[in-house]
Amino acid sequence: MNTIRPSSLEAHLRRLATRKGARLMKSRVRNPDDLRFGGYMIVDAERNFVIAGGEPYDFALDLEDAKAWLEDMPDAA
């Protein structure tokens, strides 16, 4: 099975999000006990609102969840 380094996957997903008219944001929380630690959120680039990863708490997505969301999104017009 092909495994992609998390940093490579993150860079790929950031480019994909840009093509879809969104931004992939990573939590800046540094406390490993915080639920948001290491999490991601997808935000509409134009309107600046959360598309995915805002429920049940901010930055609730991991990279695989973000990948699934972005692959299902239509391309930006």
PDB file of N, CA and C in Angstrom:
ATOM      1  N   MET A   1       0.844  -1.181   0.000  1.00  0.00           N
ATOM      2  CA  MET A   1       0.000   0.000   0.000  1.00  0.00           C
ATOM      3  C   MET A   1       0.889   1.244   0.000  1.00  0.00           C
ATOM      4  N   ASN A   2       0.508   2.226  -0.792  1.00  0.00           N
ATOM      5  CA  ASN A   2       1.237   3.482  -0.857  1.00  0.00           C
ATOM      6  C   ASN A   2       0.839   4.377   0.308  1.00  0.00           C
ATOM      7  N   THR A   3       1.810   4.817   1.081  1.00  0.00           N
ATOM      8  CA  THR A   3       1.508   5.745   2.160  1.00  0.00           C
ATOM      9  C   THR A   3       2.144   7.085   1.833  1.00  0.00           C
ATOM     10  N   ILE A   4       1.405   8.139   2.114  1.00  0.00           N
ATOM     11  CA  ILE A   4       1.872   9.493   1.862  1.00  0.00           C
ATOM     12  C   ILE A   4       2.182  10.133   3.208  1.00  0.00           C
ATOM     13  N   ARG A   5       3.324  10.809   3.274  1.00  0.00           N
ATOM     14  CA  ARG A   5       3.669  11.510   4.505  1.00  0.00           C
ATOM     15  C   ARG A   5       2.592  12.549   4.809  1.00  0.00           C
ATOM     16  N   PRO A   6       2.262  12.750   6.093  1.00  0.00           N
ATOM     17  CA  PRO A   6       1.230  13.730   6.438  1.00  0.00           C
ATOM     18  C   PRO A   6       1.513  15.127   5.881  1.00  0.00           C
ATOM     19  N   SER A   7       2.769  15.561   5.869  1.00  0.00           N
ATOM     20  CA  SER A   7       3.077  16.894   5.360  1.00  0.00           C
ATOM     21  C   SER A   7       2.813  16.973   3.854  1.00  0.00           C
ATOM     22  N   SER A   8       3.086  15.904   3.125  1.00  0.00           N
ATOM     23  CA  SER A   8       2.807  15.872   1.684  1.00  0.00           C
ATOM     24  C   SER A   8       1.309  15.854   1.425  1.00  0.00           C
ATOM     25  N   LEU A   9       0.587  15.068   2.206  1.00  0.00           N
ATOM     26  CA  LEU A   9      -0.864  15.006   2.062  1.00  0.00           C
ATOM     27  C   LEU A   9      -1.477  16.361   2.385  1.00  0.00           C
ATOM     28  N   GLU A  10      -0.997  17.004   3.431  1.00  0.00           N
ATOM     29  CA  GLU A  10      -1.516  18.321   3.802  1.00  0.00           C
ATOM     30  C   GLU A  10      -1.283  19.321   2.671  1.00  0.00           C
ATOM     31  N   ALA A  11      -0.103  19.333   2.086  1.00  0.00           N
ATOM     32  CA  ALA A  11       0.196  20.244   0.979  1.00  0.00           C
ATOM     33  C   ALA A  11      -0.713  19.953  -0.216  1.00  0.00           C
ATOM     34  N   HIS A  12      -0.915  18.678  -0.514  1.00  0.00           N
ATOM     35  CA  HIS A  12      -1.802  18.289  -1.612  1.00  0.00           C
ATOM     36  C   HIS A  12      -3.223  18.781  -1.342  1.00  0.00           C
ATOM     37  N   LEU A  13      -3.703  18.602  -0.116  1.00  0.00           N
ATOM     38  CA  LEU A  13      -5.067  19.009   0.218  1.00  0.00           C
ATOM     39  C   LEU A  13      -5.222  20.530   0.216  1.00  0.00           C
ATOM     40  N   ARG A  14      -4.189  21.255   0.573  1.00  0.00           N
ATOM     41  CA  ARG A  14      -4.242  22.722   0.490  1.00  0.00           C
ATOM     42  C   ARG A  14      -4.394  23.170  -0.961  1.00  0.00           C
ATOM     43  N   ARG A  15      -3.654  22.546  -1.868  1.00  0.00           N
ATOM     44  CA  ARG A  15      -3.782  22.877  -3.298  1.00  0.00           C
ATOM     45  C   ARG A  15      -5.173  22.504  -3.817  1.00  0.00           C
ATOM     46  N   LEU A  16      -5.662  21.339  -3.418  1.00  0.00           N
ATOM     47  CA  LEU A  16      -6.987  20.899  -3.825  1.00  0.00           C
ATOM     48  C   LEU A  16      -8.052  21.869  -3.315  1.00  0.00           C
ATOM     49  N   ALA A  17      -7.931  22.289  -2.070  1.00  0.00           N
ATOM     50  CA  ALA A  17      -8.885  23.245  -1.497  1.00  0.00           C
ATOM     51  C   ALA A  17      -8.888  24.552  -2.285  1.00  0.00           C
ATOM     52  N   THR A  18      -7.719  25.021  -2.680  1.00  0.00           N
ATOM     53  CA  THR A  18      -7.626  26.255  -3.457  1.00  0.00           C
ATOM     54  C   THR A  18      -8.368  26.104  -4.788  1.00  0.00           C
ATOM     55  N   ARG A  19      -8.203  24.967  -5.449  1.00  0.00           N
ATOM     56  CA  ARG A  19      -8.912  24.718  -6.708  1.00  0.00           C
ATOM     57  C   ARG A  19     -10.422  24.681  -6.513  1.00  0.00           C
ATOM     58  N   LYS A  20     -10.851  24.301  -5.321  1.00  0.00           N
ATOM     59  CA  LYS A  20     -12.276  24.200  -5.024  1.00  0.00           C
ATOM     60  C   LYS A  20     -12.844  25.509  -4.467  1.00  0.00           C
ATOM     61  N   GLY A  21     -12.010  26.541  -4.330  1.00  0.00           N
ATOM     62  CA  GLY A  21     -12.478  27.820  -3.794  1.00  0.00           C
ATOM     63  C   GLY A  21     -12.559  27.833  -2.278  1.00  0.00           C
ATOM     64  N   ALA A  22     -11.738  27.033  -1.641  1.00  0.00           N
ATOM     65  CA  ALA A  22     -11.760  26.919  -0.178  1.00  0.00           C
ATOM     66  C   ALA A  22     -10.332  27.029   0.362  1.00  0.00           C
ATOM     67  N   ARG A  23     -10.228  27.009   1.689  1.00  0.00           N
ATOM     68  CA  ARG A  23      -8.923  26.985   2.360  1.00  0.00           C
ATOM     69  C   ARG A  23      -8.948  25.865   3.389  1.00  0.00           C
ATOM     70  N   LEU A  24      -7.836  25.150   3.475  1.00  0.00           N
ATOM     71  CA  LEU A  24      -7.661  24.140   4.523  1.00  0.00           C
ATOM     72  C   LEU A  24      -6.905  24.817   5.652  1.00  0.00           C
ATOM     73  N   MET A  25      -7.537  24.899   6.804  1.00  0.00           N
ATOM     74  CA  MET A  25      -6.912  25.545   7.958  1.00  0.00           C
ATOM     75  C   MET A  25      -6.566  24.507   9.010  1.00  0.00           C
ATOM     76  N   LYS A  26      -5.408  24.675   9.625  1.00  0.00           N
ATOM     77  CA  LYS A  26      -4.962  23.775  10.686  1.00  0.00           C
ATOM     78  C   LYS A  26      -5.041  24.502  12.017  1.00  0.00           C
ATOM     79  N   SER A  27      -5.463  23.789  13.038  1.00  0.00           N
ATOM     80  CA  SER A  27      -5.543  24.366  14.372  1.00  0.00           C
ATOM     81  C   SER A  27      -4.161  24.789  14.852  1.00  0.00           C
ATOM     82  N   ARG A  28      -4.110  25.925  15.525  1.00  0.00           N
ATOM     83  CA  ARG A  28      -2.847  26.408  16.071  1.00  0.00           C
ATOM     84  C   ARG A  28      -2.695  26.064  17.549  1.00  0.00           C
ATOM     85  N   VAL A  29      -3.634  25.300  18.080  1.00  0.00           N
ATOM     86  CA  VAL A  29      -3.592  24.887  19.482  1.00  0.00           C
ATOM     87  C   VAL A  29      -2.356  24.026  19.723  1.00  0.00           C
ATOM     88  N   ARG A  30      -1.644  24.292  20.798  1.00  0.00           N
ATOM     89  CA  ARG A  30      -0.416  23.555  21.105  1.00  0.00           C
ATOM     90  C   ARG A  30      -0.552  22.605  22.294  1.00  0.00           C
ATOM     91  N   ASN A  31      -1.733  22.560  22.871  1.00  0.00           N
ATOM     92  CA  ASN A  31      -1.977  21.693  24.018  1.00  0.00           C
ATOM     93  C   ASN A  31      -2.556  20.359  23.536  1.00  0.00           C
ATOM     94  N   PRO A  32      -1.810  19.252  23.682  1.00  0.00           N
ATOM     95  CA  PRO A  32      -2.301  17.954  23.195  1.00  0.00           C
ATOM     96  C   PRO A  32      -3.586  17.475  23.875  1.00  0.00           C
ATOM     97  N   ASP A  33      -3.946  18.053  25.006  1.00  0.00           N
ATOM     98  CA  ASP A  33      -5.178  17.664  25.696  1.00  0.00           C
ATOM     99  C   ASP A  33      -6.403  18.368  25.123  1.00  0.00           C
ATOM    100  N   ASP A  34      -6.201  19.407  24.326  1.00  0.00           N
ATOM    101  CA  ASP A  34      -7.296  20.161  23.708  1.00  0.00           C
ATOM    102  C   ASP A  34      -7.844  19.355  22.527  1.00  0.00           C
ATOM    103  N   LEU A  35      -9.154  19.271  22.389  1.00  0.00           N
ATOM    104  CA  LEU A  35      -9.774  18.517  21.303  1.00  0.00           C
ATOM    105  C   LEU A  35      -9.380  19.038  19.925  1.00  0.00           C
ATOM    106  N   ARG A  36      -9.056  20.308  19.837  1.00  0.00           N
ATOM    107  CA  ARG A  36      -8.712  20.916  18.546  1.00  0.00           C
ATOM    108  C   ARG A  36      -7.269  20.647  18.127  1.00  0.00           C
ATOM    109  N   PHE A  37      -6.451  20.094  18.995  1.00  0.00           N
ATOM    110  CA  PHE A  37      -5.033  19.864  18.717  1.00  0.00           C
ATOM    111  C   PHE A  37      -4.852  19.000  17.472  1.00  0.00           C
ATOM    112  N   GLY A  38      -4.128  19.522  16.487  1.00  0.00           N
ATOM    113  CA  GLY A  38      -3.830  18.773  15.274  1.00  0.00           C
ATOM    114  C   GLY A  38      -4.982  18.644  14.300  1.00  0.00           C
ATOM    115  N   GLY A  39      -6.082  19.337  14.561  1.00  0.00           N
ATOM    116  CA  GLY A  39      -7.269  19.215  13.721  1.00  0.00           C
ATOM    117  C   GLY A  39      -7.275  20.198  12.558  1.00  0.00           C
ATOM    118  N   TYR A  40      -8.208  19.981  11.634  1.00  0.00           N
ATOM    119  CA  TYR A  40      -8.335  20.792  10.430  1.00  0.00           C
ATOM    120  C   TYR A  40      -9.776  21.251  10.250  1.00  0.00           C
ATOM    121  N   MET A  41      -9.918  22.320   9.447  1.00  0.00           N
ATOM    122  CA  MET A  41     -11.217  22.871   9.131  1.00  0.00           C
ATOM    123  C   MET A  41     -11.154  23.362   7.686  1.00  0.00           C
ATOM    124  N   ILE A  42     -12.233  23.214   6.944  1.00  0.00           N
ATOM    125  CA  ILE A  42     -12.312  23.710   5.575  1.00  0.00           C
ATOM    126  C   ILE A  42     -13.192  24.950   5.588  1.00  0.00           C
ATOM    127  N   VAL A  43     -12.650  26.043   5.035  1.00  0.00           N
ATOM    128  CA  VAL A  43     -13.323  27.340   5.070  1.00  0.00           C
ATOM    129  C   VAL A  43     -13.513  27.847   3.649  1.00  0.00           C
ATOM    130  N   ASP A  44     -14.683  28.415   3.351  1.00  0.00           N
ATOM    131  CA  ASP A  44     -14.929  29.046   2.057  1.00  0.00           C
ATOM    132  C   ASP A  44     -14.003  30.254   1.935  1.00  0.00           C
ATOM    133  N   ALA A  45     -13.185  30.288   0.891  1.00  0.00           N
ATOM    134  CA  ALA A  45     -12.163  31.330   0.744  1.00  0.00           C
ATOM    135  C   ALA A  45     -12.764  32.699   0.488  1.00  0.00           C
ATOM    136  N   GLU A  46     -13.888  32.755  -0.205  1.00  0.00           N
ATOM    137  CA  GLU A  46     -14.485  34.040  -0.560  1.00  0.00           C
ATOM    138  C   GLU A  46     -15.321  34.628   0.569  1.00  0.00           C
ATOM    139  N   ARG A  47     -16.116  33.794   1.202  1.00  0.00           N
ATOM    140  CA  ARG A  47     -17.048  34.279   2.226  1.00  0.00           C
ATOM    141  C   ARG A  47     -16.542  34.095   3.652  1.00  0.00           C
ATOM    142  N   ASN A  48     -15.456  33.328   3.806  1.00  0.00           N
ATOM    143  CA  ASN A  48     -14.824  33.114   5.106  1.00  0.00           C
ATOM    144  C   ASN A  48     -15.769  32.483   6.133  1.00  0.00           C
ATOM    145  N   PHE A  49     -16.499  31.446   5.709  1.00  0.00           N
ATOM    146  CA  PHE A  49     -17.303  30.692   6.666  1.00  0.00           C
ATOM    147  C   PHE A  49     -16.920  29.224   6.620  1.00  0.00           C
ATOM    148  N   VAL A  50     -17.175  28.535   7.692  1.00  0.00           N
ATOM    149  CA  VAL A  50     -16.775  27.131   7.825  1.00  0.00           C
ATOM    150  C   VAL A  50     -17.660  26.245   6.959  1.00  0.00           C
ATOM    151  N   ILE A  51     -17.028  25.446   6.115  1.00  0.00           N
ATOM    152  CA  ILE A  51     -17.729  24.475   5.279  1.00  0.00           C
ATOM    153  C   ILE A  51     -17.764  23.129   5.995  1.00  0.00           C
ATOM    154  N   ALA A  52     -16.656  22.737   6.593  1.00  0.00           N
ATOM    155  CA  ALA A  52     -16.564  21.445   7.278  1.00  0.00           C
ATOM    156  C   ALA A  52     -15.546  21.542   8.406  1.00  0.00           C
ATOM    157  N   GLY A  53     -15.788  20.806   9.462  1.00  0.00           N
ATOM    158  CA  GLY A  53     -14.856  20.764  10.582  1.00  0.00           C
ATOM    159  C   GLY A  53     -15.198  21.719  11.704  1.00  0.00           C
ATOM    160  N   GLY A  54     -16.385  22.291  11.672  1.00  0.00           N
ATOM    161  CA  GLY A  54     -16.797  23.208  12.728  1.00  0.00           C
ATOM    162  C   GLY A  54     -17.698  22.577  13.768  1.00  0.00           C
ATOM    163  N   GLU A  55     -18.111  21.352  13.551  1.00  0.00           N
ATOM    164  CA  GLU A  55     -19.008  20.654  14.470  1.00  0.00           C
ATOM    165  C   GLU A  55     -18.418  19.296  14.810  1.00  0.00           C
ATOM    166  N   PRO A  56     -18.468  18.811  15.981  1.00  0.00           N
ATOM    167  CA  PRO A  56     -19.049  19.368  17.191  1.00  0.00           C
ATOM    168  C   PRO A  56     -18.162  20.415  17.869  1.00  0.00           C
ATOM    169  N   TYR A  57     -16.964  20.627  17.349  1.00  0.00           N
ATOM    170  CA  TYR A  57     -16.054  21.665  17.852  1.00  0.00           C
ATOM    171  C   TYR A  57     -15.203  22.132  16.673  1.00  0.00           C
ATOM    172  N   ASP A  58     -14.576  23.289  16.799  1.00  0.00           N
ATOM    173  CA  ASP A  58     -13.725  23.799  15.734  1.00  0.00           C
ATOM    174  C   ASP A  58     -12.561  22.853  15.464  1.00  0.00           C
ATOM    175  N   PHE A  59     -12.155  22.766  14.213  1.00  0.00           N
ATOM    176  CA  PHE A  59     -11.027  21.925  13.768  1.00  0.00           C
ATOM    177  C   PHE A  59     -11.264  20.452  14.109  1.00  0.00           C
ATOM    178  N   ALA A  60     -12.468  19.984  13.795  1.00  0.00           N
ATOM    179  CA  ALA A  60     -12.865  18.619  14.144  1.00  0.00           C
ATOM    180  C   ALA A  60     -12.443  17.576  13.108  1.00  0.00           C
ATOM    181  N   LEU A  61     -11.843  17.991  11.981  1.00  0.00           N
ATOM    182  CA  LEU A  61     -11.455  17.039  10.944  1.00  0.00           C
ATOM    183  C   LEU A  61     -10.010  16.575  11.117  1.00  0.00           C
ATOM    184  N   ASP A  62      -9.735  15.334  10.727  1.00  0.00           N
ATOM    185  CA  ASP A  62      -8.345  14.919  10.551  1.00  0.00           C
ATOM    186  C   ASP A  62      -8.068  14.988   9.047  1.00  0.00           C
ATOM    187  N   LEU A  63      -6.863  14.672   8.612  1.00  0.00           N
ATOM    188  CA  LEU A  63      -6.519  14.802   7.193  1.00  0.00           C
ATOM    189  C   LEU A  63      -7.374  13.898   6.301  1.00  0.00           C
ATOM    190  N   GLU A  64      -7.676  12.710   6.746  1.00  0.00           N
ATOM    191  CA  GLU A  64      -8.487  11.799   5.939  1.00  0.00           C
ATOM    192  C   GLU A  64      -9.908  12.329   5.776  1.00  0.00           C
ATOM    193  N   ASP A  65     -10.479  12.891   6.844  1.00  0.00           N
ATOM    194  CA  ASP A  65     -11.811  13.496   6.753  1.00  0.00           C
ATOM    195  C   ASP A  65     -11.795  14.685   5.797  1.00  0.00           C
ATOM    196  N   ALA A  66     -10.760  15.525   5.902  1.00  0.00           N
ATOM    197  CA  ALA A  66     -10.629  16.682   5.021  1.00  0.00           C
ATOM    198  C   ALA A  66     -10.506  16.234   3.572  1.00  0.00           C
ATOM    199  N   LYS A  67      -9.753  15.172   3.338  1.00  0.00           N
ATOM    200  CA  LYS A  67      -9.584  14.645   1.985  1.00  0.00           C
ATOM    201  C   LYS A  67     -10.929  14.207   1.416  1.00  0.00           C
ATOM    202  N   ALA A  68     -11.710  13.500   2.204  1.00  0.00           N
ATOM    203  CA  ALA A  68     -13.029  13.033   1.754  1.00  0.00           C
ATOM    204  C   ALA A  68     -13.932  14.219   1.415  1.00  0.00           C
ATOM    205  N   TRP A  69     -13.949  15.236   2.261  1.00  0.00           N
ATOM    206  CA  TRP A  69     -14.770  16.428   2.005  1.00  0.00           C
ATOM    207  C   TRP A  69     -14.339  17.118   0.719  1.00  0.00           C
ATOM    208  N   LEU A  70     -13.049  17.337   0.570  1.00  0.00           N
ATOM    209  CA  LEU A  70     -12.554  18.069  -0.586  1.00  0.00           C
ATOM    210  C   LEU A  70     -12.752  17.298  -1.888  1.00  0.00           C
ATOM    211  N   GLU A  71     -12.605  16.006  -1.867  1.00  0.00           N
ATOM    212  CA  GLU A  71     -12.816  15.220  -3.078  1.00  0.00           C
ATOM    213  C   GLU A  71     -14.270  15.233  -3.516  1.00  0.00           C
ATOM    214  N   ASP A  72     -15.196  15.389  -2.573  1.00  0.00           N
ATOM    215  CA  ASP A  72     -16.625  15.426  -2.900  1.00  0.00           C
ATOM    216  C   ASP A  72     -17.117  16.809  -3.302  1.00  0.00           C
ATOM    217  N   MET A  73     -16.339  17.845  -3.022  1.00  0.00           N
ATOM    218  CA  MET A  73     -16.746  19.220  -3.364  1.00  0.00           C
ATOM    219  C   MET A  73     -16.604  19.469  -4.862  1.00  0.00           C
ATOM    220  N   PRO A  74     -17.533  20.252  -5.438  1.00  0.00           N
ATOM    221  CA  PRO A  74     -17.362  20.623  -6.849  1.00  0.00           C
ATOM    222  C   PRO A  74     -16.250  21.657  -7.005  1.00  0.00           C
ATOM    223  N   ASP A  75     -15.670  21.717  -8.194  1.00  0.00           N
ATOM    224  CA  ASP A  75     -14.638  22.718  -8.467  1.00  0.00           C
ATOM    225  C   ASP A  75     -15.246  24.111  -8.438  1.00  0.00           C
ATOM    226  N   ALA A  76     -14.418  25.104  -8.126  1.00  0.00           N
ATOM    227  CA  ALA A  76     -14.862  26.488  -8.111  1.00  0.00           C
ATOM    228  C   ALA A  76     -15.223  26.931  -9.523  1.00  0.00           C
ATOM    229  N   ALA A  77     -16.195  27.774  -9.611  1.00  0.00           N
ATOM    230  CA  ALA A  77     -16.642  28.259 -10.936  1.00  0.00           C
ATOM    231  C   ALA A  77     -15.734  29.301 -11.491  1.00  0.00           C
TER     232      ALA A  77
END
